[in-house]
Protein backbone atom coordinates (compact mmCIF):
# COMPACT_ATOMS: atom_id res chain seq x y z
CA MET A 1 82.02 130.61 183.02
CA VAL A 2 79.47 132.32 181.02
CA HIS A 3 75.74 131.27 181.55
CA PHE A 4 73.40 131.85 178.86
CA LYS A 5 69.78 132.42 179.80
CA ALA A 6 67.14 130.25 177.85
CA THR A 7 65.12 132.20 175.53
CA PRO A 8 61.16 132.09 176.71
CA LEU A 9 58.91 130.26 174.37
CA PHE A 10 56.03 132.10 173.26
CA GLN A 11 53.68 130.74 170.83
CA ILE A 12 50.19 130.74 169.19
CA ARG A 13 49.05 127.26 168.64
CA LEU A 14 45.68 126.71 166.42
CA ASP A 15 43.35 123.72 166.05
CA ASP A 16 43.64 124.74 162.35
CA ASP A 17 44.89 127.97 160.79
CA SER A 18 42.66 127.48 157.57
CA LEU A 19 39.08 127.94 158.22
CA ILE A 20 36.17 127.39 155.90
CA MET A 21 32.85 129.20 155.47
CA ARG A 22 30.46 126.93 154.06
CA GLY A 23 27.78 128.76 151.78
CA SER A 24 27.30 132.28 150.70
CA LYS A 25 27.37 135.23 153.19
CA ALA A 26 23.62 134.86 153.39
CA GLU A 27 23.77 131.01 153.92
CA SER A 28 27.03 130.45 155.94
CA VAL A 29 26.56 130.25 159.89
CA GLY A 30 30.33 130.84 160.24
CA CYS A 31 33.08 129.10 161.70
CA VAL A 32 35.11 128.74 164.85
CA LEU A 33 38.73 129.79 165.52
CA ARG A 34 40.41 127.80 168.47
CA GLY A 35 43.60 127.71 169.79
CA GLN A 36 46.02 128.33 172.77
CA LEU A 37 48.59 130.98 173.75
CA VAL A 38 51.62 128.93 175.19
CA LEU A 39 54.28 130.53 177.57
CA PHE A 40 57.43 128.47 178.65
CA ILE A 41 59.84 130.01 180.94
CA THR A 42 62.80 128.45 182.99
CA GLU A 43 63.09 131.32 185.48
CA GLN A 44 61.01 133.65 187.43
CA THR A 45 59.78 136.46 185.14
CA LYS A 46 57.85 139.63 185.42
CA PHE A 47 55.09 140.59 183.14
CA LYS A 48 53.07 143.66 182.89
CA GLU A 49 50.28 142.31 180.59
CA ILE A 50 49.66 139.39 177.99
CA ARG A 51 47.17 140.16 175.46
CA LEU A 52 46.11 138.42 172.03
CA THR A 53 44.46 140.23 169.10
CA PHE A 54 42.63 138.53 166.17
CA GLN A 55 42.36 141.17 163.23
CA GLY A 56 41.23 141.22 159.66
CA LYS A 57 42.70 143.84 157.41
CA SER A 58 42.37 145.04 153.91
CA LYS A 59 44.75 147.14 151.91
CA VAL A 60 44.05 148.62 148.37
CA GLY A 61 45.86 150.96 146.27
CA TRP A 62 46.67 152.06 142.61
CA VAL A 63 47.47 154.87 140.62
CA ASP A 64 45.23 156.60 137.80
CA GLY A 65 46.47 158.72 135.06
CA LYS A 66 49.49 158.69 132.85
CA TYR A 67 52.80 160.08 134.04
CA ILE A 68 53.46 163.61 133.00
CA SER A 69 55.93 165.08 135.56
CA ILE A 70 56.75 164.66 139.14
CA GLY A 71 53.54 165.00 141.13
CA LYS A 72 51.32 165.89 138.17
CA GLY A 73 48.94 163.96 136.05
CA GLN A 74 48.68 161.05 138.46
CA TYR A 75 45.86 160.38 141.19
CA HIS A 76 47.01 157.89 143.80
CA HIS A 77 44.16 155.92 145.51
CA SER A 78 45.05 154.08 148.85
CA GLU A 79 43.23 152.82 151.73
CA GLU A 80 43.92 150.33 154.65
CA LYS A 81 41.21 149.57 156.96
CA ILE A 82 40.34 146.96 159.78
CA ILE A 83 37.37 145.00 158.77
CA PHE A 84 37.31 142.69 162.04
CA GLN A 85 38.95 142.75 165.38
CA HIS A 86 38.69 140.87 168.61
CA ASP A 87 40.92 141.18 171.75
CA TRP A 88 41.83 138.84 174.48
CA THR A 89 43.36 139.88 177.82
CA PHE A 90 44.94 137.01 179.71
CA LEU A 91 47.16 138.91 182.25
CA PRO A 92 45.47 142.49 182.76
CA ALA A 93 47.65 145.53 183.14
CA GLY A 94 47.88 146.80 186.70
CA LYS A 95 49.87 148.77 189.09
CA GLN A 96 52.06 145.82 189.99
CA CYS A 97 53.63 143.26 187.66
CA HIS A 98 52.70 139.69 187.35
CA VAL A 99 55.17 137.25 188.74
CA LEU A 100 55.38 133.90 186.75
CA ASN A 101 57.60 131.21 188.25
CA PRO A 102 59.20 128.67 185.74
CA ASN A 103 56.63 126.60 184.42
CA ASN A 104 54.79 125.93 181.31
CA TYR A 105 51.78 128.32 180.83
CA HIS A 106 48.67 128.22 178.32
CA TRP A 107 45.59 130.25 177.82
CA ASP A 108 42.82 128.81 175.66
CA PHE A 109 40.73 130.98 173.39
CA GLU A 110 37.90 130.46 171.15
CA LEU A 111 36.18 132.88 168.89
CA ILE A 112 32.98 132.35 166.74
CA LEU A 113 33.64 134.12 163.23
CA PRO A 114 30.46 135.44 161.32
CA GLY A 115 29.64 133.95 158.14
CA THR A 116 29.54 137.40 156.49
CA LEU A 117 33.21 137.86 156.92
CA PRO A 118 35.03 138.14 153.54
CA GLU A 119 37.68 135.56 152.45
CA THR A 120 41.30 135.83 152.54
CA ILE A 121 42.70 137.41 149.21
CA GLU A 122 46.32 137.23 148.48
CA GLY A 123 48.05 137.55 145.12
CA CYS A 124 46.40 140.52 143.70
CA PRO A 125 48.54 143.28 142.43
CA HIS A 126 46.59 146.17 143.71
CA GLY A 127 45.18 144.81 147.23
CA SER A 128 44.93 142.20 149.59
CA LEU A 129 42.71 140.89 152.60
CA ASN A 130 44.30 139.15 155.54
CA TYR A 131 43.60 137.91 158.87
CA SER A 132 46.10 137.25 161.68
CA LEU A 133 46.58 136.65 165.38
CA LYS A 134 49.17 138.71 167.19
CA ALA A 135 50.25 138.18 170.81
CA VAL A 136 52.29 140.40 173.18
CA ALA A 137 53.65 139.69 176.44
CA GLU A 138 54.67 142.95 177.78
CA ARG A 139 57.44 142.82 180.22
CA ASN A 140 59.08 145.56 182.64
CA THR A 141 61.00 148.75 181.26
CA PHE A 142 64.35 147.17 180.73
CA ALA A 143 63.42 143.68 179.20
CA LEU A 144 62.33 142.96 175.70
CA ASN A 145 58.69 142.11 175.03
CA LEU A 146 57.74 138.87 173.88
CA ARG A 147 55.84 138.77 170.62
CA ALA A 148 54.06 135.86 168.28
CA LYS A 149 52.20 135.98 165.22
CA ARG A 150 50.08 133.36 163.32
CA ASN A 151 48.36 133.93 159.91
CA VAL A 152 44.80 132.71 159.57
CA THR A 153 43.33 131.87 156.28
CA ILE A 154 39.66 132.21 155.72
CA MET A 155 38.20 130.19 152.67
CA ARG A 156 34.46 129.72 151.46
CA SER A 157 33.07 126.80 149.73
CA ILE A 158 29.63 126.25 148.07
CA LEU A 159 26.83 124.16 150.02
CA PRO A 160 26.27 120.74 148.56
CA SER A 161 22.49 121.60 148.33
CA SER A 162 23.41 124.35 145.80
CA MET A 163 22.50 122.08 142.92
CA GLU A 164 21.96 124.91 140.40
CA PHE A 165 25.69 125.39 140.29
CA THR A 166 25.96 121.68 139.13
CA GLN A 167 23.96 122.15 135.91
CA SER A 168 25.45 123.13 132.58
CA VAL A 169 25.47 126.77 131.60
CA THR A 170 24.78 127.61 128.01
CA MET A 171 24.47 130.88 125.90
CA ALA A 172 22.65 130.37 122.56
CA ASN A 173 21.40 133.05 120.05
CA THR A 174 21.29 134.26 116.23
CA TRP A 175 24.09 136.85 115.53
CA SER A 176 23.08 139.52 113.09
CA ASP A 177 21.09 137.08 110.87
CA LYS A 178 24.25 135.50 109.90
CA ILE A 179 25.08 132.55 112.29
CA GLU A 180 23.49 130.72 115.05
CA TYR A 181 25.65 129.72 118.07
CA GLU A 182 25.71 127.89 121.28
CA PHE A 183 28.53 127.93 123.71
CA SER A 184 28.25 125.59 126.68
CA ALA A 185 30.19 124.79 129.87
CA GLY A 186 29.66 121.50 131.62
CA ALA A 187 28.60 123.29 134.90
CA LYS A 188 28.45 126.74 136.59
CA ILE A 189 31.14 126.18 139.30
CA PHE A 190 34.42 124.44 139.15
CA SER A 191 37.28 123.71 141.54
CA LEU A 192 40.89 124.62 141.55
CA GLY A 193 42.57 121.91 139.59
CA GLU A 194 39.65 120.92 137.58
CA LYS A 195 39.04 120.80 133.92
CA ILE A 196 36.01 122.74 132.18
CA PRO A 197 34.53 120.91 129.54
CA LEU A 198 33.32 123.33 126.88
CA THR A 199 31.07 122.52 123.68
CA ILE A 200 30.73 124.77 120.78
CA ASN A 201 27.97 124.45 118.21
CA LEU A 202 27.76 126.87 115.21
CA ARG A 203 25.61 127.06 112.09
CA SER A 204 26.00 129.34 109.38
CA LEU A 205 22.83 130.90 107.86
CA ASP A 206 24.76 132.24 104.97
CA ASN A 207 26.54 129.77 102.45
CA ASP A 208 29.30 132.03 101.76
CA LEU A 209 30.02 132.77 105.51
CA LYS A 210 32.93 130.28 106.84
CA ILE A 211 34.86 130.06 110.09
CA ARG A 212 38.52 131.22 110.21
CA GLU A 213 39.26 130.81 113.98
CA ILE A 214 37.65 130.23 117.28
CA ILE A 215 39.41 131.36 120.42
CA CYS A 216 38.21 130.54 124.00
CA VAL A 217 40.03 132.95 126.60
CA PHE A 218 39.74 132.02 130.40
CA ARG A 219 40.10 135.40 132.36
CA GLU A 220 40.28 136.40 135.87
CA TYR A 221 38.72 139.90 136.87
CA ALA A 222 39.62 141.79 139.99
CA THR A 223 37.80 144.81 141.03
CA TYR A 224 39.28 147.21 143.73
CA THR A 225 36.97 149.59 145.38
CA ILE A 226 37.83 152.72 147.59
CA GLY A 227 34.68 154.93 148.46
CA GLN A 228 33.23 155.72 144.92
CA ASN A 229 36.34 154.81 142.93
CA GLN A 230 36.88 151.53 141.40
CA LYS A 231 39.52 149.92 139.23
CA THR A 232 39.36 146.57 137.58
CA ASP A 233 42.25 144.53 136.27
CA SER A 234 41.91 141.29 134.21
CA LYS A 235 44.60 138.60 133.39
CA GLU A 236 44.71 135.56 131.14
CA ILE A 237 44.57 132.37 132.72
CA GLU A 238 44.60 130.14 129.59
CA THR A 239 43.76 130.46 126.00
CA ILE A 240 42.73 127.72 123.43
CA ILE A 241 42.96 128.48 119.49
CA ARG A 242 41.17 126.28 116.86
CA LYS A 243 41.93 127.47 113.42
CA ASN A 244 39.84 126.23 110.30
CA PRO A 245 38.05 123.56 112.12
CA SER A 246 35.78 122.87 109.13
CA PRO A 247 36.37 125.25 106.20
CA HIS A 248 33.99 123.48 103.80
CA GLU A 249 30.98 123.07 106.14
CA ASP A 250 28.15 125.18 107.15
CA THR A 251 27.78 123.40 110.71
CA TRP A 252 30.53 123.28 113.47
CA ASN A 253 30.63 121.26 116.60
CA LEU A 254 33.60 121.37 118.61
CA SER A 255 34.65 120.12 122.13
CA MET A 256 37.62 121.45 124.06
CA GLU A 257 38.83 121.66 127.82
CA ALA A 258 40.05 124.61 129.90
CA LEU A 259 42.23 123.73 132.89
CA VAL A 260 41.69 125.57 136.02
CA PRO A 261 45.27 125.86 137.75
CA ASN A 262 45.52 124.49 141.22
CA GLU A 263 47.94 127.19 142.49
CA LEU A 264 46.18 130.12 144.03
CA PRO A 265 48.48 132.94 143.07
CA HIS A 266 48.01 131.96 139.50
CA CYS A 267 44.33 131.55 139.88
CA LEU A 268 42.12 132.96 142.74
CA TYR A 269 38.89 131.65 143.73
CA ASP A 270 35.70 133.88 143.50
CA SER A 271 35.13 136.27 146.14
CA GLN A 272 32.35 139.06 146.76
CA ASN A 273 32.85 141.83 149.13
CA ASP A 274 33.10 145.70 149.31
CA VAL A 275 36.79 145.88 148.87
CA ILE A 276 38.01 143.42 146.38
CA ARG A 277 35.73 141.32 143.96
CA ILE A 278 37.18 138.24 142.13
CA ARG A 279 35.23 136.91 139.21
CA HIS A 280 35.78 134.73 136.26
CA LYS A 281 34.60 134.26 132.56
CA LEU A 282 35.14 132.06 129.54
CA ARG A 283 35.35 134.59 126.53
CA PHE A 284 34.89 133.27 122.97
CA PHE A 285 36.07 134.86 119.54
CA VAL A 286 34.92 133.44 116.50
CA THR A 287 36.55 134.93 113.22
CA LEU A 288 34.10 134.75 110.24
CA TYR A 289 34.95 135.61 106.63
CA ASN A 290 32.61 135.81 103.68
CA GLN A 291 33.97 134.22 100.53
CA LYS A 292 32.21 136.54 98.06
CA SER A 293 32.60 139.91 99.67
CA GLU A 294 36.10 138.90 101.52
CA LEU A 295 34.79 140.64 104.57
CA ASN A 296 35.74 139.57 108.01
CA TYR A 297 33.58 139.40 110.88
CA GLU A 298 33.92 138.49 114.63
CA LEU A 299 31.48 137.07 116.86
CA ARG A 300 31.96 137.65 120.71
CA ALA A 301 30.35 136.02 123.68
CA SER A 302 31.25 135.23 127.43
CA LEU A 303 29.94 132.59 129.98
CA PRO A 304 30.44 133.85 133.66
CA ILE A 305 31.60 130.81 135.87
CA ILE A 306 32.48 130.44 139.51
CA ILE A 307 35.81 129.25 140.83
CA THR A 308 35.73 127.56 144.22
CA LEU A 309 37.80 125.34 146.46
CA ASN A 310 38.24 121.61 145.91
CA ASN A 311 35.09 120.66 147.74
CA ASP A 312 35.80 116.92 147.80
CA SER A 313 37.52 117.24 151.23
CA LEU A 314 34.92 119.71 152.71
CA TYR A 315 31.75 117.60 152.97
CA LEU A 316 30.83 115.88 156.40
CA PRO A 317 30.72 111.92 155.99
CA ALA A 318 27.42 110.31 154.68
CA TYR A 319 25.18 109.15 157.44
CA HIS A 320 25.11 105.56 156.21
CA GLU A 321 29.08 105.64 156.63
CA ASN A 322 28.47 105.99 160.36
CA TYR A 323 25.10 104.21 160.77
CA PHE A 324 24.81 100.46 161.97
CA SER A 325 21.97 98.46 160.84
CA ASP A 326 19.85 96.25 162.58
CA ASP A 327 21.40 93.27 160.93
CA ASP A 328 24.86 94.52 161.72
CA ILE A 329 23.79 94.74 165.63
CA PHE A 330 21.54 91.71 165.81
CA ASP A 331 23.51 88.96 164.02
CA PRO A 332 21.56 85.74 164.62
CA SER A 333 25.11 83.82 164.85
CA LEU A 334 26.12 86.15 167.83
CA SER A 335 24.83 86.05 171.59
CA ARG A 336 24.23 89.51 173.14
CA CYS A 337 27.89 89.21 174.55
CA GLY A 338 29.39 88.87 170.96
CA SER A 339 30.23 84.99 171.54
CA PRO A 340 29.22 82.53 168.64
CA VAL A 341 26.05 80.34 169.62
CA SER A 342 25.46 76.94 168.02
CA SER A 343 22.40 76.49 166.08
CA ASN A 344 21.57 73.31 167.56
CA SER A 345 21.88 74.47 171.15
CA SER A 346 18.66 74.84 172.93
CA THR A 347 19.90 76.58 176.11
CA PHE A 348 21.77 79.80 176.61
CA SER A 349 24.38 80.18 179.10
CA SER A 350 24.23 82.87 181.53
CA PRO A 351 24.70 86.21 179.75
CA CYS A 352 27.63 88.25 180.66
CA CYS A 353 25.81 91.57 180.48
CA SER A 354 22.25 92.36 181.19
CA PHE A 355 19.39 93.60 178.80
CA ASP A 356 19.80 97.37 179.83
CA GLU A 357 23.57 97.17 179.25
CA SER A 358 22.91 95.54 175.79
CA LEU A 359 20.72 98.42 174.84
CA SER A 360 23.25 101.05 175.99
CA ILE A 361 26.10 99.28 173.81
CA ILE A 362 23.82 99.23 171.05
CA GLU A 363 23.04 103.10 171.36
CA ASP A 364 26.56 103.92 171.67
CA MET A 365 27.41 102.05 168.54
CA ASN A 366 24.65 103.72 166.64
CA LYS A 367 25.79 107.12 167.46
CA LEU A 368 27.75 109.38 164.90
CA PRO A 369 31.20 110.44 166.14
CA SER A 370 31.03 113.67 168.19
CA TYR A 371 33.23 116.65 167.57
CA HIS A 372 35.02 115.88 170.77
CA SER A 373 35.83 112.47 169.91
CA ILE A 374 37.68 113.36 166.98
CA PHE A 375 39.27 116.79 168.33
CA SER A 376 42.90 116.79 168.43
CA HIS A 377 44.28 118.40 171.77
CA ILE A 378 47.48 120.13 171.86
CA PRO A 379 50.08 118.10 173.51
CA ILE A 380 51.60 120.39 176.35
CA PRO A 381 51.62 120.42 180.11
CA LEU A 382 49.00 123.03 181.27
CA ALA A 383 48.57 125.36 184.15
CA ASP A 384 45.03 125.46 185.60
CA SER A 385 45.00 128.91 187.19
CA LEU A 386 46.50 132.26 186.52
CA PRO A 387 49.99 132.97 187.83
CA PRO A 388 50.37 134.87 191.17
CA THR A 389 50.57 138.60 191.15
CA TYR A 390 53.65 140.44 192.47
CA ASP A 391 52.04 141.18 195.76
CA ASP A 392 51.01 137.49 196.24
CA SER A 393 54.51 136.47 195.59
CA MET A 394 55.97 138.94 198.12
CA ASN A 395 53.35 138.03 200.86
CA GLY A 396 54.46 134.21 200.42
CA HIS A 397 58.01 135.22 201.29
């Protein structure tokens, strides 16, 4: 009869594989990466070393110049670098192997990530910025090493105190003494999946000048940097066209909406770093024509906006949601033990708890929940100590 050996389980488990930096690089205090490296074996196994690495890596590359002939007329720019790295060693390498008996083993790890780290960027044609955890359990010469990998996404959100971003952004001016214009967006910052309310106000200073067409283009710009070399690409996310809104009037007031896609590959959120920069603009094109001279003119303007995460689920609960008022605690219809008391009763029965105990209960009720009270532990049997070395196992026999 053929007996098959069970494959060891070697996994990286995380509290959360999507981490959020709150605020800009200057404001953010960072975030914490927590998890466990888990190993489950069903037979005695020797390991030389068990280690874990968290690494952030950027890749950028593009080609400049037109194709002329093979190897000529083109300039290749490419760079790959490590922007952050941290290593853990759970079983150190030594002269002798570590012998692990059949069991579930785990090693907790925790890492404070600085708020200056750039966010994860994926979906750009000429570059990416990714974070990952890689674990290796190195075995003896004739056995395959165990490997595990887990991707980690770092995102950034705007602080709720950044009120300047919630105010409308407006560009107003007079163009060539021909037309007064005002382009306005409902706010400076928008989340993925939101609608951008737009307002356009135009007033002609020439009675013969009329509007032929108004176009609003929502564009995304990606700038890649390698040393002193840069390349900027742009893509169109949405285009809104309004033709001849009011051909016989001198004043035009229009309202429209642009939709921010809720899919990251189609629309990325803004990012500022030394490798890849993502930004967004609303570009306006107004085509004008003069009825007398039959000349065409084009007015161009742009409004920079910021695209960020959906912040609704990122804020901490308000204080009043976890606060108990005095009226909630000292209800006159309840005794200190929570039992109803008749308003006609002139005496109290013996209390079931002391006054000090009542104060302790009130203090506990009035506390906000701690992190540990809502922390989700990983359900797996855990070993509290490191496995024995090879020498210890031999001495035991």
